[in-house]
PDB file of N, CA and C in Angstrom:
ATOM      1  N   MET A   1      92.333-211.589 -63.428  1.00  0.00           N
ATOM      2  CA  MET A   1      93.113-212.522 -62.660  1.00  0.00           C
ATOM      3  C   MET A   1      94.388-212.856 -63.430  1.00  0.00           C
ATOM      4  N   LEU A   2      95.498-212.773 -62.754  1.00  0.00           N
ATOM      5  CA  LEU A   2      96.780-213.112 -63.346  1.00  0.00           C
ATOM      6  C   LEU A   2      97.042-214.597 -63.139  1.00  0.00           C
ATOM      7  N   ILE A   3      97.226-215.308 -64.236  1.00  0.00           N
ATOM      8  CA  ILE A   3      97.521-216.739 -64.152  1.00  0.00           C
ATOM      9  C   ILE A   3      98.993-216.994 -64.436  1.00  0.00           C
ATOM     10  N   ARG A   4      99.569-216.236 -65.382  1.00  0.00           N
ATOM     11  CA  ARG A   4     100.947-216.491 -65.773  1.00  0.00           C
ATOM     12  C   ARG A   4     101.587-215.198 -66.250  1.00  0.00           C
ATOM     13  N   LEU A   5     102.828-214.947 -65.834  1.00  0.00           N
ATOM     14  CA  LEU A   5     103.598-213.791 -66.277  1.00  0.00           C
ATOM     15  C   LEU A   5     104.984-214.273 -66.664  1.00  0.00           C
ATOM     16  N   VAL A   6     105.412-213.938 -67.869  1.00  0.00           N
ATOM     17  CA  VAL A   6     106.744-214.287 -68.353  1.00  0.00           C
ATOM     18  C   VAL A   6     107.520-212.988 -68.529  1.00  0.00           C
ATOM     19  N   ILE A   7     108.695-212.900 -67.920  1.00  0.00           N
ATOM     20  CA  ILE A   7     109.524-211.699 -67.948  1.00  0.00           C
ATOM     21  C   ILE A   7     110.828-212.026 -68.669  1.00  0.00           C
ATOM     22  N   ASN A   8     111.246-211.135 -69.565  1.00  0.00           N
ATOM     23  CA  ASN A   8     112.479-211.323 -70.310  1.00  0.00           C
ATOM     24  C   ASN A   8     113.061-209.949 -70.611  1.00  0.00           C
ATOM     25  N   ASN A   9     114.371-209.777 -70.423  1.00  0.00           N
ATOM     26  CA  ASN A   9     115.074-208.525 -70.725  1.00  0.00           C
ATOM     27  C   ASN A   9     114.433-207.347 -69.992  1.00  0.00           C
ATOM     28  N   PHE A  10     114.204-207.502 -68.706  1.00  0.00           N
ATOM     29  CA  PHE A  10     113.592-206.455 -67.898  1.00  0.00           C
ATOM     30  C   PHE A  10     114.334-206.351 -66.573  1.00  0.00           C
ATOM     31  N   LEU A  11     114.902-205.202 -66.297  1.00  0.00           N
ATOM     32  CA  LEU A  11     115.655-204.919 -65.082  1.00  0.00           C
ATOM     33  C   LEU A  11     116.658-206.031 -64.791  1.00  0.00           C
ATOM     34  N   SER A  12     116.505-206.814 -63.739  1.00  0.00           N
ATOM     35  CA  SER A  12     117.492-207.848 -63.411  1.00  0.00           C
ATOM     36  C   SER A  12     117.194-209.194 -64.072  1.00  0.00           C
ATOM     37  N   PHE A  13     116.154-209.267 -64.908  1.00  0.00           N
ATOM     38  CA  PHE A  13     115.791-210.518 -65.576  1.00  0.00           C
ATOM     39  C   PHE A  13     116.325-210.503 -67.009  1.00  0.00           C
ATOM     40  N   GLY A  14     117.540-211.030 -67.204  1.00  0.00           N
ATOM     41  CA  GLY A  14     118.115-211.091 -68.549  1.00  0.00           C
ATOM     42  C   GLY A  14     117.510-212.218 -69.355  1.00  0.00           C
ATOM     43  N   GLU A  15     117.443-213.375 -68.750  1.00  0.00           N
ATOM     44  CA  GLU A  15     116.842-214.528 -69.405  1.00  0.00           C
ATOM     45  C   GLU A  15     115.383-214.641 -68.992  1.00  0.00           C
ATOM     46  N   GLU A  16     114.641-215.425 -69.740  1.00  0.00           N
ATOM     47  CA  GLU A  16     113.204-215.572 -69.502  1.00  0.00           C
ATOM     48  C   GLU A  16     112.931-216.237 -68.152  1.00  0.00           C
ATOM     49  N   ARG A  17     112.041-215.620 -67.369  1.00  0.00           N
ATOM     50  CA  ARG A  17     111.591-216.162 -66.084  1.00  0.00           C
ATOM     51  C   ARG A  17     110.073-216.173 -66.082  1.00  0.00           C
ATOM     52  N   GLU A  18     109.507-217.114 -65.360  1.00  0.00           N
ATOM     53  CA  GLU A  18     108.054-217.273 -65.355  1.00  0.00           C
ATOM     54  C   GLU A  18     107.520-217.302 -63.926  1.00  0.00           C
ATOM     55  N   PHE A  19     106.442-216.572 -63.715  1.00  0.00           N
ATOM     56  CA  PHE A  19     105.670-216.634 -62.478  1.00  0.00           C
ATOM     57  C   PHE A  19     104.283-217.106 -62.874  1.00  0.00           C
ATOM     58  N   ASN A  20     103.826-218.208 -62.294  1.00  0.00           N
ATOM     59  CA  ASN A  20     102.488-218.673 -62.654  1.00  0.00           C
ATOM     60  C   ASN A  20     101.747-219.172 -61.422  1.00  0.00           C
ATOM     61  N   MET A  21     100.454-219.232 -61.576  1.00  0.00           N
ATOM     62  CA  MET A  21      99.570-219.662 -60.498  1.00  0.00           C
ATOM     63  C   MET A  21      98.950-221.025 -60.800  1.00  0.00           C
ATOM     64  N   LEU A  22      99.597-221.796 -61.636  1.00  0.00           N
ATOM     65  CA  LEU A  22      99.096-223.120 -61.998  1.00  0.00           C
ATOM     66  C   LEU A  22      99.632-224.152 -61.000  1.00  0.00           C
ATOM     67  N   PRO A  23      98.785-225.015 -60.479  1.00  0.00           N
ATOM     68  CA  PRO A  23      99.245-226.011 -59.503  1.00  0.00           C
ATOM     69  C   PRO A  23     100.032-227.134 -60.174  1.00  0.00           C
ATOM     70  N   ASN A  24     100.979-227.699 -59.428  1.00  0.00           N
ATOM     71  CA  ASN A  24     101.679-228.877 -59.928  1.00  0.00           C
ATOM     72  C   ASN A  24     101.067-230.127 -59.313  1.00  0.00           C
ATOM     73  N   GLU A  25     101.637-231.280 -59.599  1.00  0.00           N
ATOM     74  CA  GLU A  25     101.056-232.546 -59.137  1.00  0.00           C
ATOM     75  C   GLU A  25     101.018-232.645 -57.616  1.00  0.00           C
ATOM     76  N   ARG A  26     101.928-231.951 -56.944  1.00  0.00           N
ATOM     77  CA  ARG A  26     101.975-232.005 -55.483  1.00  0.00           C
ATOM     78  C   ARG A  26     100.666-231.521 -54.865  1.00  0.00           C
ATOM     79  N   TYR A  27     100.006-230.589 -55.512  1.00  0.00           N
ATOM     80  CA  TYR A  27      98.760-230.051 -54.976  1.00  0.00           C
ATOM     81  C   TYR A  27      97.539-230.856 -55.382  1.00  0.00           C
ATOM     82  N   ALA A  28      97.717-231.925 -56.107  1.00  0.00           N
ATOM     83  CA  ALA A  28      96.584-232.780 -56.456  1.00  0.00           C
ATOM     84  C   ALA A  28      95.986-233.406 -55.196  1.00  0.00           C
ATOM     85  N   LYS A  29      96.823-233.611 -54.188  1.00  0.00           N
ATOM     86  CA  LYS A  29      96.350-234.196 -52.931  1.00  0.00           C
ATOM     87  C   LYS A  29      95.804-233.141 -51.968  1.00  0.00           C
ATOM     88  N   LEU A  30      95.929-231.868 -52.329  1.00  0.00           N
ATOM     89  CA  LEU A  30      95.482-230.771 -51.468  1.00  0.00           C
ATOM     90  C   LEU A  30      94.439-229.926 -52.210  1.00  0.00           C
ATOM     91  N   PRO A  31      93.225-230.407 -52.332  1.00  0.00           N
ATOM     92  CA  PRO A  31      92.223-229.685 -53.129  1.00  0.00           C
ATOM     93  C   PRO A  31      91.828-228.334 -52.543  1.00  0.00           C
ATOM     94  N   ASN A  32      92.072-228.085 -51.271  1.00  0.00           N
ATOM     95  CA  ASN A  32      91.725-226.801 -50.668  1.00  0.00           C
ATOM     96  C   ASN A  32      92.689-225.678 -51.068  1.00  0.00           C
ATOM     97  N   HIS A  33      93.818-226.001 -51.694  1.00  0.00           N
ATOM     98  CA  HIS A  33      94.813-225.012 -52.086  1.00  0.00           C
ATOM     99  C   HIS A  33      94.567-224.463 -53.488  1.00  0.00           C
ATOM    100  N   LYS A  34      93.568-224.957 -54.172  1.00  0.00           N
ATOM    101  CA  LYS A  34      93.317-224.497 -55.538  1.00  0.00           C
ATOM    102  C   LYS A  34      91.814-224.404 -55.770  1.00  0.00           C
ATOM    103  N   TYR A  35      91.457-223.676 -56.830  1.00  0.00           N
ATOM    104  CA  TYR A  35      90.059-223.623 -57.233  1.00  0.00           C
ATOM    105  C   TYR A  35      89.976-223.525 -58.745  1.00  0.00           C
ATOM    106  N   ALA A  36      88.824-223.858 -59.272  1.00  0.00           N
ATOM    107  CA  ALA A  36      88.630-223.926 -60.716  1.00  0.00           C
ATOM    108  C   ALA A  36      88.201-222.574 -61.260  1.00  0.00           C
ATOM    109  N   VAL A  37      88.835-222.178 -62.360  1.00  0.00           N
ATOM    110  CA  VAL A  37      88.455-220.994 -63.126  1.00  0.00           C
ATOM    111  C   VAL A  37      88.177-221.491 -64.530  1.00  0.00           C
ATOM    112  N   GLY A  38      86.923-221.749 -64.792  1.00  0.00           N
ATOM    113  CA  GLY A  38      86.575-222.350 -66.080  1.00  0.00           C
ATOM    114  C   GLY A  38      87.154-223.747 -66.157  1.00  0.00           C
ATOM    115  N   PRO A  39      87.859-224.053 -67.248  1.00  0.00           N
ATOM    116  CA  PRO A  39      88.390-225.410 -67.417  1.00  0.00           C
ATOM    117  C   PRO A  39      89.730-225.667 -66.710  1.00  0.00           C
ATOM    118  N   ILE A  40      90.339-224.642 -66.102  1.00  0.00           N
ATOM    119  CA  ILE A  40      91.650-224.838 -65.479  1.00  0.00           C
ATOM    120  C   ILE A  40      91.569-224.615 -63.977  1.00  0.00           C
ATOM    121  N   SER A  41      92.542-225.142 -63.271  1.00  0.00           N
ATOM    122  CA  SER A  41      92.667-224.931 -61.829  1.00  0.00           C
ATOM    123  C   SER A  41      93.809-223.966 -61.574  1.00  0.00           C
ATOM    124  N   VAL A  42      93.632-223.073 -60.603  1.00  0.00           N
ATOM    125  CA  VAL A  42      94.674-222.130 -60.216  1.00  0.00           C
ATOM    126  C   VAL A  42      94.853-222.178 -58.705  1.00  0.00           C
ATOM    127  N   LEU A  43      96.032-221.756 -58.263  1.00  0.00           N
ATOM    128  CA  LEU A  43      96.315-221.712 -56.836  1.00  0.00           C
ATOM    129  C   LEU A  43      95.596-220.537 -56.189  1.00  0.00           C
ATOM    130  N   LYS A  44      95.190-220.697 -54.954  1.00  0.00           N
ATOM    131  CA  LYS A  44      94.530-219.624 -54.221  1.00  0.00           C
ATOM    132  C   LYS A  44      95.530-218.596 -53.707  1.00  0.00           C
ATOM    133  N   LEU A  45      96.774-219.008 -53.476  1.00  0.00           N
ATOM    134  CA  LEU A  45      97.745-218.151 -52.818  1.00  0.00           C
ATOM    135  C   LEU A  45      99.133-218.428 -53.369  1.00  0.00           C
ATOM    136  N   ALA A  46      99.958-217.392 -53.437  1.00  0.00           N
ATOM    137  CA  ALA A  46     101.359-217.536 -53.839  1.00  0.00           C
ATOM    138  C   ALA A  46     102.209-216.680 -52.923  1.00  0.00           C
ATOM    139  N   ALA A  47     103.442-217.071 -52.735  1.00  0.00           N
ATOM    140  CA  ALA A  47     104.391-216.312 -51.930  1.00  0.00           C
ATOM    141  C   ALA A  47     105.643-216.064 -52.754  1.00  0.00           C
ATOM    142  N   ILE A  48     106.222-214.898 -52.582  1.00  0.00           N
ATOM    143  CA  ILE A  48     107.470-214.546 -53.258  1.00  0.00           C
ATOM    144  C   ILE A  48     108.541-214.467 -52.181  1.00  0.00           C
ATOM    145  N   TYR A  49     109.564-215.289 -52.299  1.00  0.00           N
ATOM    146  CA  TYR A  49     110.639-215.271 -51.318  1.00  0.00           C
ATOM    147  C   TYR A  49     111.941-215.581 -52.032  1.00  0.00           C
ATOM    148  N   GLY A  50     113.039-215.236 -51.414  1.00  0.00           N
ATOM    149  CA  GLY A  50     114.349-215.513 -51.991  1.00  0.00           C
ATOM    150  C   GLY A  50     115.419-214.699 -51.298  1.00  0.00           C
ATOM    151  N   ALA A  51     116.628-214.907 -51.729  1.00  0.00           N
ATOM    152  CA  ALA A  51     117.780-214.231 -51.148  1.00  0.00           C
ATOM    153  C   ALA A  51     117.769-212.749 -51.523  1.00  0.00           C
ATOM    154  N   ASN A  52     118.594-211.979 -50.818  1.00  0.00           N
ATOM    155  CA  ASN A  52     118.755-210.573 -51.169  1.00  0.00           C
ATOM    156  C   ASN A  52     119.281-210.470 -52.598  1.00  0.00           C
ATOM    157  N   ALA A  53     118.804-209.486 -53.320  1.00  0.00           N
ATOM    158  CA  ALA A  53     119.204-209.217 -54.708  1.00  0.00           C
ATOM    159  C   ALA A  53     118.824-210.357 -55.653  1.00  0.00           C
ATOM    160  N   ALA A  54     117.759-211.078 -55.341  1.00  0.00           N
ATOM    161  CA  ALA A  54     117.322-212.182 -56.196  1.00  0.00           C
ATOM    162  C   ALA A  54     116.279-211.749 -57.224  1.00  0.00           C
ATOM    163  N   GLY A  55     115.761-210.520 -57.123  1.00  0.00           N
ATOM    164  CA  GLY A  55     114.817-210.024 -58.104  1.00  0.00           C
ATOM    165  C   GLY A  55     113.381-209.895 -57.628  1.00  0.00           C
ATOM    166  N   LYS A  56     113.138-210.024 -56.343  1.00  0.00           N
ATOM    167  CA  LYS A  56     111.767-209.935 -55.831  1.00  0.00           C
ATOM    168  C   LYS A  56     111.153-208.567 -56.116  1.00  0.00           C
ATOM    169  N   SER A  57     111.885-207.505 -55.849  1.00  0.00           N
ATOM    170  CA  SER A  57     111.369-206.154 -56.095  1.00  0.00           C
ATOM    171  C   SER A  57     111.158-205.912 -57.583  1.00  0.00           C
ATOM    172  N   ASN A  58     112.026-206.452 -58.413  1.00  0.00           N
ATOM    173  CA  ASN A  58     111.865-206.271 -59.857  1.00  0.00           C
ATOM    174  C   ASN A  58     110.678-207.060 -60.396  1.00  0.00           C
ATOM    175  N   LEU A  59     110.329-208.152 -59.763  1.00  0.00           N
ATOM    176  CA  LEU A  59     109.108-208.863 -60.132  1.00  0.00           C
ATOM    177  C   LEU A  59     107.891-207.994 -59.824  1.00  0.00           C
ATOM    178  N   ILE A  60     107.896-207.331 -58.680  1.00  0.00           N
ATOM    179  CA  ILE A  60     106.805-206.422 -58.321  1.00  0.00           C
ATOM    180  C   ILE A  60     106.741-205.256 -59.309  1.00  0.00           C
ATOM    181  N   LYS A  61     107.895-204.743 -59.733  1.00  0.00           N
ATOM    182  CA  LYS A  61     107.912-203.667 -60.730  1.00  0.00           C
ATOM    183  C   LYS A  61     107.342-204.142 -62.059  1.00  0.00           C
ATOM    184  N   ALA A  62     107.627-205.386 -62.430  1.00  0.00           N
ATOM    185  CA  ALA A  62     107.062-205.936 -63.662  1.00  0.00           C
ATOM    186  C   ALA A  62     105.549-206.075 -63.551  1.00  0.00           C
ATOM    187  N   LEU A  63     105.059-206.470 -62.386  1.00  0.00           N
ATOM    188  CA  LEU A  63     103.616-206.557 -62.169  1.00  0.00           C
ATOM    189  C   LEU A  63     102.964-205.178 -62.239  1.00  0.00           C
ATOM    190  N   ASN A  64     103.626-204.168 -61.686  1.00  0.00           N
ATOM    191  CA  ASN A  64     103.098-202.798 -61.774  1.00  0.00           C
ATOM    192  C   ASN A  64     103.085-202.294 -63.212  1.00  0.00           C
ATOM    193  N   LEU A  65     104.104-202.650 -63.979  1.00  0.00           N
ATOM    194  CA  LEU A  65     104.134-202.271 -65.393  1.00  0.00           C
ATOM    195  C   LEU A  65     102.994-202.940 -66.154  1.00  0.00           C
ATOM    196  N   LEU A  66     102.762-204.204 -65.880  1.00  0.00           N
ATOM    197  CA  LEU A  66     101.641-204.915 -66.497  1.00  0.00           C
ATOM    198  C   LEU A  66     100.315-204.258 -66.116  1.00  0.00           C
ATOM    199  N   LYS A  67     100.194-203.861 -64.876  1.00  0.00           N
ATOM    200  CA  LYS A  67      98.979-203.177 -64.416  1.00  0.00           C
ATOM    201  C   LYS A  67      98.766-201.875 -65.189  1.00  0.00           C
ATOM    202  N   SER A  68      99.841-201.125 -65.418  1.00  0.00           N
ATOM    203  CA  SER A  68      99.694-199.875 -66.171  1.00  0.00           C
ATOM    204  C   SER A  68      99.337-200.149 -67.633  1.00  0.00           C
ATOM    205  N   PHE A  69      99.850-201.238 -68.221  1.00  0.00           N
ATOM    206  CA  PHE A  69      99.434-201.626 -69.582  1.00  0.00           C
ATOM    207  C   PHE A  69      97.931-201.820 -69.642  1.00  0.00           C
ATOM    208  N   VAL A  70      97.418-202.544 -68.662  1.00  0.00           N
ATOM    209  CA  VAL A  70      95.993-202.892 -68.659  1.00  0.00           C
ATOM    210  C   VAL A  70      95.132-201.660 -68.383  1.00  0.00           C
ATOM    211  N   ASN A  71      95.511-200.863 -67.405  1.00  0.00           N
ATOM    212  CA  ASN A  71      94.695-199.710 -67.029  1.00  0.00           C
ATOM    213  C   ASN A  71      94.720-198.591 -68.064  1.00  0.00           C
ATOM    214  N   GLN A  72      95.892-198.291 -68.644  1.00  0.00           N
ATOM    215  CA  GLN A  72      96.012-197.182 -69.579  1.00  0.00           C
ATOM    216  C   GLN A  72      95.769-197.590 -71.029  1.00  0.00           C
ATOM    217  N   LYS A  73      95.790-198.893 -71.295  1.00  0.00           N
ATOM    218  CA  LYS A  73      95.565-199.441 -72.635  1.00  0.00           C
ATOM    219  C   LYS A  73      96.562-198.911 -73.669  1.00  0.00           C
ATOM    220  N   LYS A  74      97.785-198.638 -73.213  1.00  0.00           N
ATOM    221  CA  LYS A  74      98.865-198.237 -74.103  1.00  0.00           C
ATOM    222  C   LYS A  74     100.198-198.519 -73.421  1.00  0.00           C
ATOM    223  N   LEU A  75     101.258-198.569 -74.225  1.00  0.00           N
ATOM    224  CA  LEU A  75     102.588-198.804 -73.669  1.00  0.00           C
ATOM    225  C   LEU A  75     103.098-197.539 -73.000  1.00  0.00           C
ATOM    226  N   PRO A  76     103.593-197.630 -71.778  1.00  0.00           N
ATOM    227  CA  PRO A  76     104.145-196.446 -71.129  1.00  0.00           C
ATOM    228  C   PRO A  76     105.467-196.035 -71.765  1.00  0.00           C
ATOM    229  N   THR A  77     105.826-194.781 -71.623  1.00  0.00           N
ATOM    230  CA  THR A  77     107.089-194.295 -72.158  1.00  0.00           C
ATOM    231  C   THR A  77     108.233-194.733 -71.254  1.00  0.00           C
ATOM    232  N   GLY A  78     109.438-194.767 -71.796  1.00  0.00           N
ATOM    233  CA  GLY A  78     110.617-195.095 -71.008  1.00  0.00           C
ATOM    234  C   GLY A  78     110.875-196.573 -70.828  1.00  0.00           C
ATOM    235  N   LEU A  79     110.286-197.431 -71.665  1.00  0.00           N
ATOM    236  CA  LEU A  79     110.521-198.877 -71.520  1.00  0.00           C
ATOM    237  C   LEU A  79     111.966-199.256 -71.815  1.00  0.00           C
ATOM    238  N   GLY A  80     112.633-198.515 -72.682  1.00  0.00           N
ATOM    239  CA  GLY A  80     114.024-198.815 -73.018  1.00  0.00           C
ATOM    240  C   GLY A  80     114.960-198.694 -71.833  1.00  0.00           C
ATOM    241  N   GLU A  81     114.602-197.861 -70.880  1.00  0.00           N
ATOM    242  CA  GLU A  81     115.430-197.683 -69.683  1.00  0.00           C
ATOM    243  C   GLU A  81     115.294-198.844 -68.716  1.00  0.00           C
ATOM    244  N   MET A  82     114.296-199.702 -68.904  1.00  0.00           N
ATOM    245  CA  MET A  82     114.043-200.810 -67.992  1.00  0.00           C
ATOM    246  C   MET A  82     114.616-202.131 -68.482  1.00  0.00           C
ATOM    247  N   ARG A  83     115.343-202.128 -69.584  1.00  0.00           N
ATOM    248  CA  ARG A  83     115.873-203.394 -70.104  1.00  0.00           C
ATOM    249  C   ARG A  83     117.085-203.850 -69.286  1.00  0.00           C
ATOM    250  N   PHE A  84     117.433-205.119 -69.441  1.00  0.00           N
ATOM    251  CA  PHE A  84     118.558-205.744 -68.748  1.00  0.00           C
ATOM    252  C   PHE A  84     119.849-205.122 -69.268  1.00  0.00           C
ATOM    253  N   ARG A  85     120.713-204.642 -68.383  1.00  0.00           N
ATOM    254  CA  ARG A  85     121.897-203.892 -68.804  1.00  0.00           C
ATOM    255  C   ARG A  85     123.216-204.622 -68.596  1.00  0.00           C
ATOM    256  N   PHE A  86     123.191-205.830 -68.083  1.00  0.00           N
ATOM    257  CA  PHE A  86     124.427-206.532 -67.781  1.00  0.00           C
ATOM    258  C   PHE A  86     124.947-207.379 -68.930  1.00  0.00           C
ATOM    259  N   ASP A  87     124.240-207.397 -70.040  1.00  0.00           N
ATOM    260  CA  ASP A  87     124.644-208.175 -71.201  1.00  0.00           C
ATOM    261  C   ASP A  87     124.520-207.258 -72.419  1.00  0.00           C
ATOM    262  N   ASP A  88     125.637-207.049 -73.141  1.00  0.00           N
ATOM    263  CA  ASP A  88     125.630-206.138 -74.281  1.00  0.00           C
ATOM    264  C   ASP A  88     124.676-206.558 -75.380  1.00  0.00           C
ATOM    265  N   GLU A  89     124.500-207.864 -75.584  1.00  0.00           N
ATOM    266  CA  GLU A  89     123.588-208.338 -76.622  1.00  0.00           C
ATOM    267  C   GLU A  89     122.128-208.001 -76.292  1.00  0.00           C
ATOM    268  N   LEU A  90     121.752-208.035 -75.031  1.00  0.00           N
ATOM    269  CA  LEU A  90     120.368-207.768 -74.627  1.00  0.00           C
ATOM    270  C   LEU A  90     120.056-206.275 -74.600  1.00  0.00           C
ATOM    271  N   ARG A  91     121.073-205.421 -74.578  1.00  0.00           N
ATOM    272  CA  ARG A  91     120.824-203.979 -74.534  1.00  0.00           C
ATOM    273  C   ARG A  91     120.102-203.491 -75.791  1.00  0.00           C
ATOM    274  N   ASP A  92     120.341-204.155 -76.903  1.00  0.00           N
ATOM    275  CA  ASP A  92     119.753-203.706 -78.166  1.00  0.00           C
ATOM    276  C   ASP A  92     118.440-204.377 -78.486  1.00  0.00           C
ATOM    277  N   ARG A  93     117.986-205.325 -77.674  1.00  0.00           N
ATOM    278  CA  ARG A  93     116.704-205.995 -77.935  1.00  0.00           C
ATOM    279  C   ARG A  93     115.581-205.217 -77.325  1.00  0.00           C
TER     280      ARG A  93
END
């Protein structure tokens, strides 16, 4: 189960961005929207939405890359080609 994903220097994500399934205080009044996994609560459902060119597809690509890490138990080749290219300082990280 994916609870939290932090992306940095990957495709269109130059700065650190976070996708998580942790509920905020707003969902404290809506107990049907979350369930307990051990000592923590997580959301049952998440939606990805935004404007064109906002990075939705690149978030899916990051999730697929994470999936390949887990399934193959090694880093895939060609990771350098997936780094953020719009900032010269980030190209070398």
